[in-house]
Amino acid sequence: MKFTANQIAEILEGEVVGDENAEVHQLSKIEEGENGSLTFLSNPKYTEYIYTTKASIAIVNKDFSPEKEIETTLIKVPDAYKAFSKLLEFYNQVKMNKSGIETPSHISESCSIGENLYLGAFAYISNKVTIGDNVKIYPNVYIDENVSIGDNTVIFAGAKIMSDTVIGKNCVINAGAVIGADGFGFAPNEDGVYSKVPQIGNVILEDNVDVGAATTIDRATLGSTIIRKGVKLDNQIQVAHNVEIGKNTVIASQTGIAGSSKIGENCMLGGQVGVAGHLVIGNNVRIQAQSGIGRNIKDNEVIQGSPAFGYSDWNRSYVYFKKLPQLASEINELQKQLKALTNKDE
């Protein structure tokens, strides 16, 4: 896919300085630019590279004035960073503008399919599935019975959407994610053998939810596991049965949330956070990476540690954590001196 400087300038409403017909077919960092690539300059500390880059086209701020000769064609815009982001979004839309049904693939006759479906090869859509308009389903996706998928949702290769799952509009399910698998429900018998507890609920993803690659969201035992509007989940996250995550909450990779816990709105959870079951985490909570949550958390708290406690308290305590061997040695020495003084007095 090739674009000329003139075409890019039209998209960005920018001004071309140099060869309007210069072509690019790939993107690059400014310091790694090569012939045929497009780059950008917004951070002044990278200015030196604009004079040495081999990139064919560079997007720069409108007020940029070169101090020496530049071989690269420039496109001047009010804000180079925002313009480059806009171009990335445009490129992604063009790249993902797939349509049609590839073969081999399977769609059950009992399905309801909206307009402009893209269905990749080896995808499988089971019975009584409802799919909205402009949905894109990439190769090797499996969609089980009674699933509902809203308009403009994208499901990438290899994702598995299990029965009765409800997915809203404008959602993104990345490669290898599993939505609606059985929750981890087992009950011990008298002889100590565990028996499976049937998981008969479902998963609901509201609008504008992103689910990362290899992330798993388990179906509820009863009722629903619910991911509210605007939630963004990173790769390799485990969301257990009957969990509810409030709108616009963001969760980083390798976090695990145990069954029936409720996380509020506008929260941020760092990587490798562990949340125990049946807890309530309030709104606007910030949980630092690798924290272990074993208690309810009130609104607006900032948490760190395992077991987790107040962020400020944790920082103050950490000063002493690092000195524990030294402090222990000093205490032992003081105890010896005290014992010697006691013996002397006797």
Protein backbone atom coordinates (compact mmCIF):
# COMPACT_ATOMS: atom_id res chain seq x y z
CA MET A 1 0.00 0.00 0.00
CA LYS A 2 1.64 3.22 -1.20
CA PHE A 3 0.85 6.87 -0.53
CA THR A 4 2.36 10.03 -2.00
CA ALA A 5 3.30 13.13 -0.04
CA ASN A 6 0.44 14.98 -1.71
CA GLN A 7 -2.12 12.32 -0.67
CA ILE A 8 -0.86 12.36 2.93
CA ALA A 9 -0.95 16.17 3.03
CA GLU A 10 -4.59 16.09 1.89
CA ILE A 11 -5.51 13.66 4.67
CA LEU A 12 -3.72 15.79 7.29
CA GLU A 13 -4.55 19.18 5.74
CA GLY A 14 -0.84 19.92 5.74
CA GLU A 15 1.67 21.71 3.49
CA VAL A 16 4.21 19.80 1.39
CA VAL A 17 7.76 21.14 1.34
CA GLY A 18 9.69 19.14 -1.25
CA ASP A 19 8.63 16.45 -3.71
CA GLU A 20 4.82 16.12 -3.78
CA ASN A 21 5.17 12.79 -5.60
CA ALA A 22 7.50 11.18 -3.05
CA GLU A 23 6.07 7.75 -2.17
CA VAL A 24 6.06 5.78 1.06
CA HIS A 25 4.91 2.25 1.84
CA GLN A 26 5.97 1.83 5.48
CA LEU A 27 6.37 3.71 8.77
CA SER A 28 9.58 4.17 10.75
CA LYS A 29 11.19 5.94 13.67
CA ILE A 30 13.02 9.05 12.54
CA GLU A 31 16.42 7.65 13.56
CA GLU A 32 15.72 4.40 11.66
CA GLY A 33 14.12 5.89 8.56
CA GLU A 34 14.93 4.45 5.16
CA ASN A 35 13.91 5.07 1.57
CA GLY A 36 10.18 4.53 1.13
CA SER A 37 9.31 5.13 4.79
CA LEU A 38 7.27 7.83 6.53
CA THR A 39 8.32 9.29 9.89
CA PHE A 40 7.56 12.31 12.07
CA LEU A 41 9.35 14.84 14.28
CA SER A 42 7.60 16.34 17.31
CA ASN A 43 10.10 16.01 20.18
CA PRO A 44 12.92 18.58 19.89
CA LYS A 45 15.50 16.14 21.26
CA TYR A 46 15.20 14.14 18.02
CA THR A 47 15.75 17.16 15.76
CA GLU A 48 19.28 16.08 14.86
CA TYR A 49 17.88 13.03 13.05
CA ILE A 50 15.84 15.11 10.59
CA TYR A 51 19.13 15.96 8.88
CA THR A 52 20.35 12.36 8.64
CA THR A 53 17.20 10.27 8.26
CA LYS A 54 16.74 8.36 5.01
CA ALA A 55 12.94 8.47 5.32
CA SER A 56 11.26 9.72 2.14
CA ILE A 57 8.68 11.83 3.99
CA ALA A 58 8.66 13.39 7.47
CA ILE A 59 5.74 15.07 9.23
CA VAL A 60 6.91 18.14 11.19
CA ASN A 61 5.38 21.00 13.16
CA LYS A 62 4.36 24.03 11.14
CA ASP A 63 6.87 26.25 12.94
CA PHE A 64 9.82 23.92 12.18
CA SER A 65 12.54 25.75 10.28
CA PRO A 66 15.57 23.66 9.19
CA GLU A 67 19.00 25.03 9.99
CA LYS A 68 20.67 23.15 7.16
CA GLU A 69 19.82 21.18 4.04
CA ILE A 70 17.29 18.35 4.31
CA GLU A 71 16.82 15.61 1.71
CA THR A 72 13.51 14.38 3.13
CA THR A 73 10.21 15.77 1.86
CA LEU A 74 8.43 17.54 4.71
CA ILE A 75 4.73 17.81 5.47
CA LYS A 76 4.09 20.73 7.82
CA VAL A 77 1.11 20.52 10.18
CA PRO A 78 0.04 22.36 13.37
CA ASP A 79 0.87 19.36 15.60
CA ALA A 80 3.10 16.60 14.18
CA TYR A 81 2.33 14.09 16.94
CA LYS A 82 -1.44 14.41 16.58
CA ALA A 83 -1.16 14.34 12.81
CA PHE A 84 0.90 11.16 12.86
CA SER A 85 -1.63 9.56 15.21
CA LYS A 86 -4.43 10.56 12.84
CA LEU A 87 -2.51 9.01 9.96
CA LEU A 88 -2.00 5.78 11.90
CA GLU A 89 -5.73 5.62 12.54
CA PHE A 90 -6.44 6.22 8.85
CA TYR A 91 -3.89 3.58 7.82
CA ASN A 92 -5.40 1.09 10.24
CA GLN A 93 -8.87 1.70 8.85
CA VAL A 94 -7.64 1.12 5.30
CA LYS A 95 -5.71 -1.98 6.36
CA MET A 96 -8.73 -3.43 8.15
CA ASN A 97 -11.22 -2.55 5.46
CA LYS A 98 -12.01 -6.16 4.70
CA SER A 99 -15.34 -7.46 3.46
CA GLY A 100 -16.91 -10.60 2.12
CA ILE A 101 -17.02 -14.20 3.28
CA GLU A 102 -13.94 -16.32 2.69
CA THR A 103 -13.99 -20.06 2.17
CA PRO A 104 -13.92 -22.46 3.79
CA SER A 105 -16.02 -21.03 6.64
CA HIS A 106 -19.35 -21.94 8.23
CA ILE A 107 -22.46 -19.90 9.06
CA SER A 108 -25.46 -21.70 10.52
CA GLU A 109 -28.73 -21.19 8.64
CA SER A 110 -30.38 -20.06 11.91
CA CYS A 111 -28.10 -17.02 12.25
CA SER A 112 -29.12 -13.40 11.74
CA ILE A 113 -26.38 -11.53 9.87
CA GLY A 114 -26.19 -7.75 9.37
CA GLU A 115 -24.79 -5.88 6.39
CA ASN A 116 -21.15 -5.79 5.28
CA LEU A 117 -19.90 -8.79 7.26
CA TYR A 118 -16.29 -9.85 6.86
CA LEU A 119 -15.79 -13.51 7.75
CA GLY A 120 -12.30 -14.98 7.46
CA ALA A 121 -11.41 -18.48 6.32
CA PHE A 122 -12.00 -21.36 8.76
CA ALA A 123 -14.24 -19.23 10.98
CA TYR A 124 -17.25 -21.04 12.46
CA ILE A 125 -20.55 -19.43 13.46
CA SER A 126 -22.93 -21.72 15.30
CA ASN A 127 -26.71 -21.75 15.70
CA LYS A 128 -28.90 -18.73 16.49
CA VAL A 129 -26.07 -16.20 16.47
CA THR A 130 -26.99 -12.55 15.87
CA ILE A 131 -24.41 -10.32 14.19
CA GLY A 132 -24.83 -6.58 13.56
CA ASP A 133 -23.62 -4.41 10.69
CA ASN A 134 -19.98 -3.90 9.67
CA VAL A 135 -18.69 -6.69 11.91
CA LYS A 136 -15.31 -8.20 11.08
CA ILE A 137 -14.55 -11.77 12.13
CA TYR A 138 -11.04 -12.92 11.26
CA PRO A 139 -9.87 -16.45 10.37
CA ASN A 140 -10.16 -19.33 12.83
CA VAL A 141 -12.65 -17.55 15.09
CA TYR A 142 -15.20 -19.80 16.82
CA ILE A 143 -18.60 -18.37 17.79
CA ASP A 144 -20.84 -20.67 19.82
CA GLU A 145 -24.64 -20.80 20.01
CA ASN A 146 -26.89 -17.85 20.94
CA VAL A 147 -24.12 -15.26 20.82
CA SER A 148 -25.00 -11.64 20.03
CA ILE A 149 -22.46 -9.26 18.46
CA GLY A 150 -23.13 -5.53 18.00
CA ASP A 151 -22.35 -3.24 15.06
CA ASN A 152 -18.75 -2.41 14.11
CA THR A 153 -17.19 -4.99 16.41
CA VAL A 154 -13.93 -6.67 15.37
CA ILE A 155 -12.95 -10.18 16.46
CA PHE A 156 -9.39 -11.10 15.54
CA ALA A 157 -7.96 -14.46 14.54
CA GLY A 158 -8.34 -17.44 16.84
CA ALA A 159 -10.65 -15.84 19.39
CA LYS A 160 -13.32 -18.07 20.95
CA ILE A 161 -16.74 -16.65 21.86
CA MET A 162 -18.68 -19.22 23.87
CA SER A 163 -22.44 -19.71 24.09
CA ASP A 164 -24.85 -16.97 25.19
CA THR A 165 -22.19 -14.25 25.23
CA VAL A 166 -23.43 -10.73 24.50
CA ILE A 167 -20.96 -8.34 22.85
CA GLY A 168 -21.90 -4.69 22.31
CA LYS A 169 -21.07 -2.20 19.58
CA ASN A 170 -17.57 -1.03 18.62
CA CYS A 171 -15.81 -3.73 20.64
CA VAL A 172 -12.41 -5.22 19.81
CA ILE A 173 -11.61 -8.82 20.75
CA ASN A 174 -7.96 -9.54 20.07
CA ALA A 175 -6.35 -12.77 18.89
CA GLY A 176 -6.67 -15.82 21.10
CA ALA A 177 -9.05 -14.29 23.63
CA VAL A 178 -11.66 -16.61 25.14
CA ILE A 179 -14.96 -15.05 26.18
CA GLY A 180 -17.49 -17.13 28.09
CA ALA A 181 -15.59 -20.30 28.99
CA ASP A 182 -16.70 -22.12 32.15
CA GLY A 183 -15.84 -20.47 35.44
CA PHE A 184 -13.63 -22.27 37.95
CA GLY A 185 -16.41 -23.89 39.96
CA PHE A 186 -15.81 -27.13 41.87
CA ALA A 187 -17.24 -28.53 45.10
CA PRO A 188 -15.50 -31.21 47.22
CA ASN A 189 -17.34 -34.46 47.93
CA GLU A 190 -17.14 -36.32 51.23
CA ASP A 191 -14.30 -38.44 49.86
CA GLY A 192 -12.32 -35.32 48.92
CA VAL A 193 -12.94 -35.59 45.17
CA TYR A 194 -14.00 -32.37 43.49
CA SER A 195 -17.15 -32.28 41.37
CA LYS A 196 -17.83 -29.73 38.68
CA VAL A 197 -20.43 -27.05 39.51
CA PRO A 198 -22.33 -26.26 36.28
CA GLN A 199 -21.70 -22.73 35.01
CA ILE A 200 -24.98 -21.72 33.36
CA GLY A 201 -24.62 -17.92 33.22
CA ASN A 202 -23.03 -15.83 30.50
CA VAL A 203 -20.70 -12.91 29.75
CA ILE A 204 -21.86 -9.43 28.77
CA LEU A 205 -19.48 -6.96 27.12
CA GLU A 206 -21.06 -3.53 26.77
CA ASP A 207 -20.14 -1.04 24.01
CA ASN A 208 -16.58 0.12 23.26
CA VAL A 209 -14.84 -2.64 25.22
CA ASP A 210 -11.34 -3.79 24.18
CA VAL A 211 -10.14 -7.26 25.16
CA GLY A 212 -6.44 -8.08 24.77
CA ALA A 213 -4.83 -11.11 23.19
CA ALA A 214 -5.10 -14.35 25.21
CA THR A 215 -7.28 -12.69 27.83
CA THR A 216 -10.01 -14.91 29.31
CA ILE A 217 -13.37 -13.85 30.71
CA ASP A 218 -15.34 -16.66 32.35
CA ARG A 219 -19.09 -17.10 32.19
CA ALA A 220 -21.06 -16.64 35.41
CA THR A 221 -22.19 -19.54 37.53
CA LEU A 222 -25.62 -17.85 37.58
CA GLY A 223 -26.41 -14.46 36.07
CA SER A 224 -23.69 -12.63 34.16
CA THR A 225 -20.04 -11.67 34.23
CA ILE A 226 -20.27 -8.02 33.15
CA ILE A 227 -17.69 -5.77 31.51
CA ARG A 228 -19.13 -2.25 31.37
CA LYS A 229 -18.80 0.38 28.64
CA GLY A 230 -15.37 1.60 27.66
CA VAL A 231 -13.36 -0.95 29.67
CA LYS A 232 -9.90 -1.69 28.25
CA LEU A 233 -8.29 -5.02 29.11
CA ASP A 234 -4.66 -5.74 28.25
CA ASN A 235 -3.27 -9.10 27.12
CA GLN A 236 -3.25 -12.21 29.33
CA ILE A 237 -5.77 -11.11 31.94
CA GLN A 238 -8.00 -13.57 33.82
CA VAL A 239 -11.51 -12.39 34.73
CA ALA A 240 -13.35 -15.05 36.75
CA HIS A 241 -17.04 -15.90 36.97
CA ASN A 242 -19.55 -13.28 38.13
CA VAL A 243 -16.97 -10.46 38.17
CA GLU A 244 -18.22 -6.99 37.28
CA ILE A 245 -15.86 -4.28 35.96
CA GLY A 246 -17.16 -0.69 35.93
CA LYS A 247 -17.12 1.58 32.90
CA ASN A 248 -13.88 3.11 31.59
CA THR A 249 -11.68 1.02 33.87
CA VAL A 250 -8.26 0.06 32.46
CA ILE A 251 -6.43 -3.12 33.50
CA ALA A 252 -2.86 -4.07 32.54
CA SER A 253 -1.43 -7.45 31.59
CA GLN A 254 -1.35 -10.59 33.78
CA THR A 255 -3.86 -9.30 36.30
CA GLY A 256 -6.14 -11.92 37.83
CA ILE A 257 -9.57 -11.14 39.27
CA ALA A 258 -11.19 -13.91 41.32
CA GLY A 259 -14.87 -14.79 41.27
CA SER A 260 -17.67 -12.39 42.21
CA SER A 261 -15.44 -9.37 42.84
CA LYS A 262 -16.75 -5.97 41.75
CA ILE A 263 -14.43 -3.27 40.39
CA GLY A 264 -15.72 0.29 40.11
CA GLU A 265 -15.65 2.91 37.37
CA ASN A 266 -12.56 4.75 36.08
CA CYS A 267 -10.12 2.50 37.93
CA MET A 268 -6.56 1.70 36.83
CA LEU A 269 -4.96 -1.64 37.72
CA GLY A 270 -1.28 -2.21 36.95
CA GLY A 271 0.26 -5.42 35.67
CA GLN A 272 0.21 -8.61 37.73
CA VAL A 273 -2.34 -7.34 40.23
CA GLY A 274 -4.19 -10.09 42.08
CA VAL A 275 -7.73 -9.48 43.35
CA ALA A 276 -9.24 -12.03 45.75
CA GLY A 277 -12.83 -13.19 45.41
CA HIS A 278 -16.03 -11.48 46.61
CA LEU A 279 -14.38 -8.08 47.09
CA VAL A 280 -15.66 -4.59 46.23
CA ILE A 281 -13.23 -2.06 44.77
CA GLY A 282 -14.59 1.49 44.59
CA ASN A 283 -14.51 4.09 41.81
CA ASN A 284 -11.35 5.94 40.68
CA VAL A 285 -9.06 3.49 42.49
CA ARG A 286 -5.41 3.19 41.41
CA ILE A 287 -3.69 -0.12 42.12
CA GLN A 288 0.06 -0.31 41.47
CA ALA A 289 1.66 -3.27 39.69
CA GLN A 290 2.07 -6.59 41.53
CA SER A 291 -0.25 -5.58 44.36
CA GLY A 292 -2.33 -8.22 46.10
CA ILE A 293 -5.84 -7.12 47.05
CA GLY A 294 -7.40 -9.04 49.92
CA ARG A 295 -9.85 -6.45 51.28
CA ASN A 296 -12.48 -4.04 50.03
CA ILE A 297 -11.11 -0.75 48.67
CA LYS A 298 -12.90 2.60 49.05
CA ASP A 299 -13.30 5.19 46.29
CA ASN A 300 -10.24 7.19 45.18
CA GLU A 301 -7.64 5.11 47.06
CA VAL A 302 -4.14 4.54 45.69
CA ILE A 303 -2.89 1.08 46.63
CA GLN A 304 0.42 -0.78 46.51
CA GLY A 305 1.94 -3.86 48.08
CA SER A 306 1.08 -7.47 48.80
CA PRO A 307 -0.92 -7.66 50.88
CA ALA A 308 -1.82 -4.22 49.64
CA PHE A 309 -2.18 -1.16 51.85
CA GLY A 310 -2.20 2.61 51.40
CA TYR A 311 0.26 3.85 48.79
CA SER A 312 1.77 6.57 51.01
CA ASP A 313 2.07 4.16 53.95
CA TRP A 314 3.71 1.60 51.68
CA ASN A 315 6.30 4.12 50.45
CA ARG A 316 7.19 5.14 53.99
CA SER A 317 7.39 1.52 55.10
CA TYR A 318 9.58 0.53 52.17
CA VAL A 319 12.39 2.70 53.55
CA TYR A 320 12.46 0.34 56.55
CA PHE A 321 11.91 -2.83 54.51
CA LYS A 322 15.24 -2.23 52.78
CA LYS A 323 17.00 -1.74 56.13
CA LEU A 324 15.53 -4.74 57.94
CA PRO A 325 18.82 -6.76 58.03
CA GLN A 326 20.71 -3.71 59.34
CA LEU A 327 17.96 -2.91 61.88
CA ALA A 328 17.87 -6.52 63.08
CA SER A 329 21.64 -6.47 63.57
CA GLU A 330 21.45 -3.21 65.53
CA ILE A 331 18.64 -4.57 67.73
CA ASN A 332 20.65 -7.70 68.46
CA GLU A 333 23.64 -5.58 69.42
CA LEU A 334 21.48 -3.40 71.68
CA GLN A 335 20.05 -6.50 73.34
CA LYS A 336 23.56 -7.79 74.03
CA GLN A 337 24.59 -4.45 75.53
CA LEU A 338 21.42 -4.30 77.64
CA LYS A 339 22.00 -7.84 78.87
CA ALA A 340 25.62 -6.99 79.74
CA LEU A 341 24.50 -3.93 81.68
CA THR A 342 21.84 -5.93 83.52
CA ASN A 343 24.36 -8.62 84.48
CA LYS A 344 26.82 -5.95 85.67
CA ASP A 345 24.18 -4.34 87.92
CA GLU A 346 23.42 -7.72 89.48
